Amino acid sequence: MRDDRRSDDAAARADAQEAELHRLMVAAQGGDAAAYRELLRAVALRLRAFLRRRMTRLPDDVEDLVQETLLAMHNQRHTYDPSQPVTAWLHAIARYKLVDLLRRRARHEALNDPIDDVDAALLAVDAREGGVQRDLAALLGRLPERQRLPIVLMKLEGLSVIETAQRTGMSPSAVKVGVHRGLKALAAQLRADRADRES
């Protein structure tokens, strides 16, 4: 009997929270800035709890993922259908961002020559050039489009893999391969240019 009452109380609280989120979301979609700020605060609290339960092995990444999810929510808020629960819509975005994070980590660990190492190699070569700035556009211009576009969109404009795939018409895996191969090619170009100047 007591367990049934607790279950009913928990369900009633969840319904009340959902109703409040729905009210705030609809008001925010209507342009109410105060409701939007309140919505973001309420959603951030829920997201932290939701992601902490799913990221027990990645506690340091929880806050970054909360922020990524809030940003995605902000960018996609026009897609919210008021006939649907806000929590389900929000959790779908959070799960998508979590899967994206896990894929990035898996890819990073699986590559023999991780992208971050290639980025570091590019920066190290630039630093040894005595402060001379390279013409990045000329370097990128040497790359095939399938490598150049993903690098420009992801590394320079800060788009995600999915956003880059949508913008270029490439698959997410092709985008990742393009970035990895393109960065390796740029690093090789920089090393070859330096070797030419030294010889």
C-alpha atoms as a PDB file:
ATOM      1  CA  MET A   1       0.000   0.000   0.000  1.00  0.00           C
ATOM      2  CA  ARG A   2       2.781   2.414   0.983  1.00  0.00           C
ATOM      3  CA  ASP A   3       4.756   1.593  -2.180  1.00  0.00           C
ATOM      4  CA  ASP A   4       1.666   2.273  -4.301  1.00  0.00           C
ATOM      5  CA  ARG A   5       1.227   5.649  -2.622  1.00  0.00           C
ATOM      6  CA  ARG A   6       4.918   6.529  -3.199  1.00  0.00           C
ATOM      7  CA  SER A   7       4.609   5.499  -6.809  1.00  0.00           C
ATOM      8  CA  ASP A   8       1.476   7.631  -7.222  1.00  0.00           C
ATOM      9  CA  ASP A   9       3.193  10.601  -5.542  1.00  0.00           C
ATOM     10  CA  ALA A  10       6.242  10.259  -7.800  1.00  0.00           C
ATOM     11  CA  ALA A  11       4.018  10.070 -10.886  1.00  0.00           C
ATOM     12  CA  ALA A  12       2.076  13.152  -9.745  1.00  0.00           C
ATOM     13  CA  ARG A  13       5.341  15.089  -9.226  1.00  0.00           C
ATOM     14  CA  ALA A  14       6.613  14.034 -12.635  1.00  0.00           C
ATOM     15  CA  ASP A  15       3.331  15.129 -14.247  1.00  0.00           C
ATOM     16  CA  ALA A  16       3.486  18.497 -12.462  1.00  0.00           C
ATOM     17  CA  GLN A  17       7.109  19.030 -13.545  1.00  0.00           C
ATOM     18  CA  GLU A  18       6.267  18.115 -17.118  1.00  0.00           C
ATOM     19  CA  ALA A  19       3.293  20.511 -17.111  1.00  0.00           C
ATOM     20  CA  GLU A  20       5.538  23.326 -15.858  1.00  0.00           C
ATOM     21  CA  LEU A  21       8.210  22.601 -18.479  1.00  0.00           C
ATOM     22  CA  HIS A  22       5.516  22.540 -21.151  1.00  0.00           C
ATOM     23  CA  ARG A  23       4.122  25.883 -19.967  1.00  0.00           C
ATOM     24  CA  LEU A  24       7.587  27.458 -20.002  1.00  0.00           C
ATOM     25  CA  MET A  25       8.484  25.986 -23.416  1.00  0.00           C
ATOM     26  CA  VAL A  26       5.278  27.198 -25.054  1.00  0.00           C
ATOM     27  CA  ALA A  27       5.762  30.657 -23.506  1.00  0.00           C
ATOM     28  CA  ALA A  28       9.401  30.700 -24.645  1.00  0.00           C
ATOM     29  CA  GLN A  29       8.398  29.734 -28.187  1.00  0.00           C
ATOM     30  CA  GLY A  30       6.001  32.673 -28.040  1.00  0.00           C
ATOM     31  CA  GLY A  31       8.895  35.031 -27.291  1.00  0.00           C
ATOM     32  CA  ASP A  32       8.707  35.276 -23.471  1.00  0.00           C
ATOM     33  CA  ALA A  33      12.376  35.828 -22.525  1.00  0.00           C
ATOM     34  CA  ALA A  34      11.767  35.424 -18.778  1.00  0.00           C
ATOM     35  CA  ALA A  35      10.034  32.073 -19.352  1.00  0.00           C
ATOM     36  CA  TYR A  36      12.933  31.001 -21.561  1.00  0.00           C
ATOM     37  CA  ARG A  37      15.515  31.810 -18.854  1.00  0.00           C
ATOM     38  CA  GLU A  38      13.449  29.911 -16.307  1.00  0.00           C
ATOM     39  CA  LEU A  39      13.093  26.998 -18.747  1.00  0.00           C
ATOM     40  CA  LEU A  40      16.868  26.841 -19.261  1.00  0.00           C
ATOM     41  CA  ARG A  41      17.493  26.756 -15.509  1.00  0.00           C
ATOM     42  CA  ALA A  42      14.925  24.001 -14.958  1.00  0.00           C
ATOM     43  CA  VAL A  43      16.128  21.994 -17.940  1.00  0.00           C
ATOM     44  CA  ALA A  44      19.801  22.276 -16.912  1.00  0.00           C
ATOM     45  CA  LEU A  45      18.993  20.756 -13.503  1.00  0.00           C
ATOM     46  CA  ARG A  46      17.101  17.879 -15.102  1.00  0.00           C
ATOM     47  CA  LEU A  47      19.788  17.297 -17.706  1.00  0.00           C
ATOM     48  CA  ARG A  48      22.536  17.075 -15.089  1.00  0.00           C
ATOM     49  CA  ALA A  49      20.607  14.407 -13.215  1.00  0.00           C
ATOM     50  CA  PHE A  50      19.695  12.563 -16.425  1.00  0.00           C
ATOM     51  CA  LEU A  51      23.288  12.558 -17.740  1.00  0.00           C
ATOM     52  CA  ARG A  52      24.966  11.778 -14.404  1.00  0.00           C
ATOM     53  CA  ARG A  53      22.998   8.521 -14.239  1.00  0.00           C
ATOM     54  CA  ARG A  54      24.216   7.601 -17.720  1.00  0.00           C
ATOM     55  CA  MET A  55      27.787   8.878 -17.477  1.00  0.00           C
ATOM     56  CA  THR A  56      29.082   7.334 -14.265  1.00  0.00           C
ATOM     57  CA  ARG A  57      32.377   6.539 -16.013  1.00  0.00           C
ATOM     58  CA  LEU A  58      32.685  10.017 -17.550  1.00  0.00           C
ATOM     59  CA  PRO A  59      31.807  12.397 -14.694  1.00  0.00           C
ATOM     60  CA  ASP A  60      34.157  15.115 -15.986  1.00  0.00           C
ATOM     61  CA  ASP A  61      32.210  15.317 -19.253  1.00  0.00           C
ATOM     62  CA  VAL A  62      28.744  15.779 -17.740  1.00  0.00           C
ATOM     63  CA  GLU A  63      28.810  19.586 -17.614  1.00  0.00           C
ATOM     64  CA  ASP A  64      30.169  19.869 -21.166  1.00  0.00           C
ATOM     65  CA  LEU A  65      27.396  17.608 -22.390  1.00  0.00           C
ATOM     66  CA  VAL A  66      24.772  19.596 -20.472  1.00  0.00           C
ATOM     67  CA  GLN A  67      25.982  22.742 -22.236  1.00  0.00           C
ATOM     68  CA  GLU A  68      26.051  21.029 -25.650  1.00  0.00           C
ATOM     69  CA  THR A  69      22.510  19.780 -25.087  1.00  0.00           C
ATOM     70  CA  LEU A  70      21.281  23.211 -24.004  1.00  0.00           C
ATOM     71  CA  LEU A  71      22.839  24.740 -27.095  1.00  0.00           C
ATOM     72  CA  ALA A  72      21.226  22.101 -29.320  1.00  0.00           C
ATOM     73  CA  MET A  73      17.910  22.705 -27.562  1.00  0.00           C
ATOM     74  CA  HIS A  74      18.279  26.439 -28.182  1.00  0.00           C
ATOM     75  CA  ASN A  75      19.068  25.886 -31.857  1.00  0.00           C
ATOM     76  CA  GLN A  76      16.245  23.361 -32.323  1.00  0.00           C
ATOM     77  CA  ARG A  77      13.572  24.894 -30.091  1.00  0.00           C
ATOM     78  CA  HIS A  78      11.489  25.801 -33.151  1.00  0.00           C
ATOM     79  CA  THR A  79      11.131  22.059 -33.867  1.00  0.00           C
ATOM     80  CA  TYR A  80       9.441  21.302 -30.559  1.00  0.00           C
ATOM     81  CA  ASP A  81       5.859  20.096 -31.052  1.00  0.00           C
ATOM     82  CA  PRO A  82       3.694  21.390 -28.168  1.00  0.00           C
ATOM     83  CA  SER A  83       1.525  18.274 -28.383  1.00  0.00           C
ATOM     84  CA  GLN A  84       4.514  16.178 -27.226  1.00  0.00           C
ATOM     85  CA  PRO A  85       6.151  15.995 -23.774  1.00  0.00           C
ATOM     86  CA  VAL A  86       9.070  18.410 -23.358  1.00  0.00           C
ATOM     87  CA  THR A  87      11.007  15.859 -21.313  1.00  0.00           C
ATOM     88  CA  ALA A  88      10.907  13.214 -24.059  1.00  0.00           C
ATOM     89  CA  TRP A  89      12.041  15.770 -26.669  1.00  0.00           C
ATOM     90  CA  LEU A  90      14.819  17.001 -24.386  1.00  0.00           C
ATOM     91  CA  HIS A  91      16.006  13.506 -23.450  1.00  0.00           C
ATOM     92  CA  ALA A  92      16.151  12.574 -27.139  1.00  0.00           C
ATOM     93  CA  ILE A  93      18.505  15.520 -27.750  1.00  0.00           C
ATOM     94  CA  ALA A  94      20.606  14.589 -24.696  1.00  0.00           C
ATOM     95  CA  ARG A  95      20.847  10.931 -25.798  1.00  0.00           C
ATOM     96  CA  TYR A  96      21.884  12.035 -29.281  1.00  0.00           C
ATOM     97  CA  LYS A  97      24.623  14.255 -27.812  1.00  0.00           C
ATOM     98  CA  LEU A  98      25.757  11.443 -25.509  1.00  0.00           C
ATOM     99  CA  VAL A  99      25.983   8.977 -28.395  1.00  0.00           C
ATOM    100  CA  ASP A 100      27.926  11.582 -30.394  1.00  0.00           C
ATOM    101  CA  LEU A 101      30.361  12.017 -27.474  1.00  0.00           C
ATOM    102  CA  LEU A 102      30.839   8.256 -27.115  1.00  0.00           C
ATOM    103  CA  ARG A 103      31.447   7.886 -30.846  1.00  0.00           C
ATOM    104  CA  ARG A 104      34.016  10.695 -30.797  1.00  0.00           C
ATOM    105  CA  ARG A 105      35.799   9.013 -27.887  1.00  0.00           C
ATOM    106  CA  ALA A 106      35.709   5.584 -29.525  1.00  0.00           C
ATOM    107  CA  ARG A 107      36.992   6.974 -32.811  1.00  0.00           C
ATOM    108  CA  HIS A 108      39.724   8.900 -31.047  1.00  0.00           C
ATOM    109  CA  GLU A 109      40.880   5.818 -29.163  1.00  0.00           C
ATOM    110  CA  ALA A 110      40.618   3.551 -32.216  1.00  0.00           C
ATOM    111  CA  LEU A 111      42.729   5.626 -34.577  1.00  0.00           C
ATOM    112  CA  ASN A 112      46.435   4.879 -34.675  1.00  0.00           C
ATOM    113  CA  ASP A 113      47.129   8.535 -35.421  1.00  0.00           C
ATOM    114  CA  PRO A 114      44.433  10.448 -33.516  1.00  0.00           C
ATOM    115  CA  ILE A 115      43.142  13.699 -34.951  1.00  0.00           C
ATOM    116  CA  ASP A 116      44.225  15.594 -31.844  1.00  0.00           C
ATOM    117  CA  ASP A 117      47.798  14.410 -32.405  1.00  0.00           C
ATOM    118  CA  VAL A 118      47.663  15.628 -35.994  1.00  0.00           C
ATOM    119  CA  ASP A 119      46.296  18.988 -34.800  1.00  0.00           C
ATOM    120  CA  ALA A 120      49.172  19.185 -32.326  1.00  0.00           C
ATOM    121  CA  ALA A 121      51.656  18.357 -35.096  1.00  0.00           C
ATOM    122  CA  LEU A 122      50.274  21.185 -37.235  1.00  0.00           C
ATOM    123  CA  LEU A 123      50.539  23.643 -34.368  1.00  0.00           C
ATOM    124  CA  ALA A 124      54.049  22.479 -33.486  1.00  0.00           C
ATOM    125  CA  VAL A 125      55.243  22.974 -37.068  1.00  0.00           C
ATOM    126  CA  ASP A 126      53.737  26.472 -37.098  1.00  0.00           C
ATOM    127  CA  ALA A 127      55.392  27.340 -33.792  1.00  0.00           C
ATOM    128  CA  ARG A 128      58.835  26.358 -35.170  1.00  0.00           C
ATOM    129  CA  GLU A 129      58.356  28.707 -38.104  1.00  0.00           C
ATOM    130  CA  GLY A 130      59.407  31.669 -35.954  1.00  0.00           C
ATOM    131  CA  GLY A 131      55.954  33.235 -35.901  1.00  0.00           C
ATOM    132  CA  VAL A 132      55.556  33.371 -39.677  1.00  0.00           C
ATOM    133  CA  GLN A 133      51.874  32.881 -40.397  1.00  0.00           C
ATOM    134  CA  ARG A 134      51.007  30.372 -43.064  1.00  0.00           C
ATOM    135  CA  ASP A 135      48.346  31.046 -45.612  1.00  0.00           C
ATOM    136  CA  LEU A 136      45.817  28.512 -44.396  1.00  0.00           C
ATOM    137  CA  ALA A 137      43.570  29.077 -47.397  1.00  0.00           C
ATOM    138  CA  ALA A 138      46.429  28.130 -49.752  1.00  0.00           C
ATOM    139  CA  LEU A 139      47.220  25.011 -47.724  1.00  0.00           C
ATOM    140  CA  LEU A 140      43.581  23.965 -47.630  1.00  0.00           C
ATOM    141  CA  GLY A 141      43.315  24.707 -51.350  1.00  0.00           C
ATOM    142  CA  ARG A 142      45.730  21.835 -52.016  1.00  0.00           C
ATOM    143  CA  LEU A 143      43.328  19.337 -50.446  1.00  0.00           C
ATOM    144  CA  PRO A 144      40.528  17.535 -52.279  1.00  0.00           C
ATOM    145  CA  GLU A 145      37.088  18.956 -51.505  1.00  0.00           C
ATOM    146  CA  ARG A 146      36.074  15.833 -49.509  1.00  0.00           C
ATOM    147  CA  GLN A 147      38.879  16.645 -47.063  1.00  0.00           C
ATOM    148  CA  ARG A 148      38.895  20.449 -47.253  1.00  0.00           C
ATOM    149  CA  LEU A 149      35.172  21.048 -46.588  1.00  0.00           C
ATOM    150  CA  PRO A 150      34.927  18.895 -43.438  1.00  0.00           C
ATOM    151  CA  ILE A 151      38.069  20.541 -42.011  1.00  0.00           C
ATOM    152  CA  VAL A 152      36.757  24.043 -42.694  1.00  0.00           C
ATOM    153  CA  LEU A 153      33.313  23.288 -41.269  1.00  0.00           C
ATOM    154  CA  MET A 154      34.410  21.298 -38.200  1.00  0.00           C
ATOM    155  CA  LYS A 155      37.799  22.721 -37.261  1.00  0.00           C
ATOM    156  CA  LEU A 156      37.361  26.346 -38.332  1.00  0.00           C
ATOM    157  CA  GLU A 157      33.609  26.926 -38.025  1.00  0.00           C
ATOM    158  CA  GLY A 158      33.068  24.551 -35.087  1.00  0.00           C
ATOM    159  CA  LEU A 159      30.234  22.469 -36.545  1.00  0.00           C
ATOM    160  CA  SER A 160      29.569  18.945 -35.281  1.00  0.00           C
ATOM    161  CA  VAL A 161      30.045  15.834 -37.398  1.00  0.00           C
ATOM    162  CA  ILE A 162      26.289  15.593 -38.012  1.00  0.00           C
ATOM    163  CA  GLU A 163      25.961  19.275 -38.935  1.00  0.00           C
ATOM    164  CA  THR A 164      28.933  18.958 -41.314  1.00  0.00           C
ATOM    165  CA  ALA A 165      27.421  15.822 -42.868  1.00  0.00           C
ATOM    166  CA  GLN A 166      24.109  17.623 -43.401  1.00  0.00           C
ATOM    167  CA  ARG A 167      25.808  20.672 -44.907  1.00  0.00           C
ATOM    168  CA  THR A 168      28.062  18.687 -47.274  1.00  0.00           C
ATOM    169  CA  GLY A 169      25.779  15.764 -48.136  1.00  0.00           C
ATOM    170  CA  MET A 170      28.463  13.364 -46.911  1.00  0.00           C
ATOM    171  CA  SER A 171      27.847  10.562 -44.429  1.00  0.00           C
ATOM    172  CA  PRO A 172      29.063  11.170 -40.849  1.00  0.00           C
ATOM    173  CA  SER A 173      31.737   8.477 -41.261  1.00  0.00           C
ATOM    174  CA  ALA A 174      32.927  10.069 -44.532  1.00  0.00           C
ATOM    175  CA  VAL A 175      33.162  13.427 -42.731  1.00  0.00           C
ATOM    176  CA  LYS A 176      35.318  11.876 -39.989  1.00  0.00           C
ATOM    177  CA  VAL A 177      37.567  10.150 -42.508  1.00  0.00           C
ATOM    178  CA  GLY A 178      37.853  13.381 -44.525  1.00  0.00           C
ATOM    179  CA  VAL A 179      38.938  15.380 -41.487  1.00  0.00           C
ATOM    180  CA  HIS A 180      41.427  12.746 -40.375  1.00  0.00           C
ATOM    181  CA  ARG A 181      42.999  12.281 -43.804  1.00  0.00           C
ATOM    182  CA  GLY A 182      42.953  16.003 -44.541  1.00  0.00           C
ATOM    183  CA  LEU A 183      44.736  16.894 -41.299  1.00  0.00           C
ATOM    184  CA  LYS A 184      47.338  14.204 -41.948  1.00  0.00           C
ATOM    185  CA  ALA A 185      47.845  15.576 -45.464  1.00  0.00           C
ATOM    186  CA  LEU A 186      48.207  19.144 -44.129  1.00  0.00           C
ATOM    187  CA  ALA A 187      50.779  17.989 -41.570  1.00  0.00           C
ATOM    188  CA  ALA A 188      52.711  16.204 -44.336  1.00  0.00           C
ATOM    189  CA  GLN A 189      52.577  19.331 -46.529  1.00  0.00           C
ATOM    190  CA  LEU A 190      53.930  21.484 -43.717  1.00  0.00           C
ATOM    191  CA  ARG A 191      56.758  19.035 -43.008  1.00  0.00           C
ATOM    192  CA  ALA A 192      57.649  18.848 -46.730  1.00  0.00           C
ATOM    193  CA  ASP A 193      57.614  22.647 -47.086  1.00  0.00           C
ATOM    194  CA  ARG A 194      59.888  23.005 -44.074  1.00  0.00           C
ATOM    195  CA  ALA A 195      62.265  20.341 -45.409  1.00  0.00           C
ATOM    196  CA  ASP A 196      62.431  22.168 -48.770  1.00  0.00           C
ATOM    197  CA  ARG A 197      63.331  25.440 -47.075  1.00  0.00           C
ATOM    198  CA  GLU A 198      66.016  23.751 -44.952  1.00  0.00           C
ATOM    199  CA  SER A 199      67.675  22.008 -47.911  1.00  0.00           C
END
